[in-house]
Amino acid sequence: MAGEGKSKVVAALLCFFLGCLGVHRFYVGKVGTGVLCLLTMGGLGIWALIDFVMILLGKFTDSKGQALT
């Protein structure tokens, strides 16, 4: 249904500003990896950087495997 997808813009902004806390992963429903990201400070920033690039390229999905809109 329309309107159920998560926003690519919101995910990118959350990742850019709060990526080391894993907030973008919580936003898309990936709670388990969000907690890991939070505990490791985004893999010392590397994990957050990779996620940010993947979001910009359109390769990042939500917890259901759906592309961000």
C-alpha atoms as a PDB file:
ATOM      1  CA  MET A   1       0.000   0.000   0.000  1.00  0.00           C
ATOM      2  CA  ALA A   2       1.112   3.550  -0.636  1.00  0.00           C
ATOM      3  CA  GLY A   3       2.661   5.503   2.194  1.00  0.00           C
ATOM      4  CA  GLU A   4       4.029   2.503   4.092  1.00  0.00           C
ATOM      5  CA  GLY A   5       7.618   2.853   2.890  1.00  0.00           C
ATOM      6  CA  LYS A   6      10.298   4.639   4.832  1.00  0.00           C
ATOM      7  CA  SER A   7      11.737   7.860   3.443  1.00  0.00           C
ATOM      8  CA  LYS A   8      15.167   7.774   1.850  1.00  0.00           C
ATOM      9  CA  VAL A   9      15.709  11.462   2.728  1.00  0.00           C
ATOM     10  CA  VAL A  10      14.861  10.955   6.399  1.00  0.00           C
ATOM     11  CA  ALA A  11      17.071   7.855   6.605  1.00  0.00           C
ATOM     12  CA  ALA A  12      19.967   9.718   4.952  1.00  0.00           C
ATOM     13  CA  LEU A  13      19.648  12.677   7.337  1.00  0.00           C
ATOM     14  CA  LEU A  14      19.436  10.418  10.386  1.00  0.00           C
ATOM     15  CA  CYS A  15      22.452   8.462   9.187  1.00  0.00           C
ATOM     16  CA  PHE A  16      24.470  11.611   8.481  1.00  0.00           C
ATOM     17  CA  PHE A  17      23.770  13.286  11.816  1.00  0.00           C
ATOM     18  CA  LEU A  18      23.180  10.310  14.139  1.00  0.00           C
ATOM     19  CA  GLY A  19      24.723   7.404  12.229  1.00  0.00           C
ATOM     20  CA  CYS A  20      27.140   6.467  14.992  1.00  0.00           C
ATOM     21  CA  LEU A  21      24.146   5.912  17.272  1.00  0.00           C
ATOM     22  CA  GLY A  22      22.357   3.681  14.737  1.00  0.00           C
ATOM     23  CA  VAL A  23      19.235   5.870  14.696  1.00  0.00           C
ATOM     24  CA  HIS A  24      18.740   5.320  10.950  1.00  0.00           C
ATOM     25  CA  ARG A  25      18.599   1.554  11.526  1.00  0.00           C
ATOM     26  CA  PHE A  26      15.965   1.939  14.237  1.00  0.00           C
ATOM     27  CA  TYR A  27      14.000   4.176  11.829  1.00  0.00           C
ATOM     28  CA  VAL A  28      13.820   1.482   9.139  1.00  0.00           C
ATOM     29  CA  GLY A  29      12.974  -1.238  11.675  1.00  0.00           C
ATOM     30  CA  LYS A  30      16.344  -2.976  11.920  1.00  0.00           C
ATOM     31  CA  VAL A  31      16.372  -2.968  15.724  1.00  0.00           C
ATOM     32  CA  GLY A  32      18.953  -5.735  16.220  1.00  0.00           C
ATOM     33  CA  THR A  33      21.613  -4.132  14.067  1.00  0.00           C
ATOM     34  CA  GLY A  34      20.579  -0.741  15.442  1.00  0.00           C
ATOM     35  CA  VAL A  35      21.543  -1.908  18.929  1.00  0.00           C
ATOM     36  CA  LEU A  36      24.848  -3.300  17.623  1.00  0.00           C
ATOM     37  CA  CYS A  37      25.525  -0.040  15.841  1.00  0.00           C
ATOM     38  CA  LEU A  38      24.735   1.870  19.038  1.00  0.00           C
ATOM     39  CA  LEU A  39      27.057  -0.305  21.141  1.00  0.00           C
ATOM     40  CA  THR A  40      29.958  -0.046  18.674  1.00  0.00           C
ATOM     41  CA  MET A  41      29.437   3.638  17.825  1.00  0.00           C
ATOM     42  CA  GLY A  42      28.579   2.752  14.242  1.00  0.00           C
ATOM     43  CA  GLY A  43      31.501   0.375  13.939  1.00  0.00           C
ATOM     44  CA  LEU A  44      33.713   3.324  14.882  1.00  0.00           C
ATOM     45  CA  GLY A  45      32.037   5.313  12.120  1.00  0.00           C
ATOM     46  CA  ILE A  46      32.827   2.904   9.301  1.00  0.00           C
ATOM     47  CA  TRP A  47      29.498   1.095   9.452  1.00  0.00           C
ATOM     48  CA  ALA A  48      27.625   4.410   9.492  1.00  0.00           C
ATOM     49  CA  LEU A  49      29.618   5.671   6.495  1.00  0.00           C
ATOM     50  CA  ILE A  50      28.876   2.522   4.502  1.00  0.00           C
ATOM     51  CA  ASP A  51      25.173   2.765   5.384  1.00  0.00           C
ATOM     52  CA  PHE A  52      25.116   6.428   4.322  1.00  0.00           C
ATOM     53  CA  VAL A  53      26.591   5.584   0.921  1.00  0.00           C
ATOM     54  CA  MET A  54      24.178   2.670   0.509  1.00  0.00           C
ATOM     55  CA  ILE A  55      21.214   4.932   1.332  1.00  0.00           C
ATOM     56  CA  LEU A  56      22.353   7.501  -1.242  1.00  0.00           C
ATOM     57  CA  LEU A  57      22.796   4.787  -3.876  1.00  0.00           C
ATOM     58  CA  GLY A  58      19.355   3.325  -3.138  1.00  0.00           C
ATOM     59  CA  LYS A  59      20.724  -0.028  -1.971  1.00  0.00           C
ATOM     60  CA  PHE A  60      19.583   0.274   1.677  1.00  0.00           C
ATOM     61  CA  THR A  61      16.336  -1.529   2.577  1.00  0.00           C
ATOM     62  CA  ASP A  62      13.966  -1.551   5.534  1.00  0.00           C
ATOM     63  CA  SER A  63      13.408  -4.536   7.842  1.00  0.00           C
ATOM     64  CA  LYS A  64      11.001  -6.083   5.308  1.00  0.00           C
ATOM     65  CA  GLY A  65      13.522  -5.874   2.467  1.00  0.00           C
ATOM     66  CA  GLN A  66      11.664  -3.045   0.737  1.00  0.00           C
ATOM     67  CA  ALA A  67      13.556  -0.184  -0.870  1.00  0.00           C
ATOM     68  CA  LEU A  68      13.314   3.228   0.757  1.00  0.00           C
ATOM     69  CA  THR A  69      11.056   5.693  -1.052  1.00  0.00           C
END
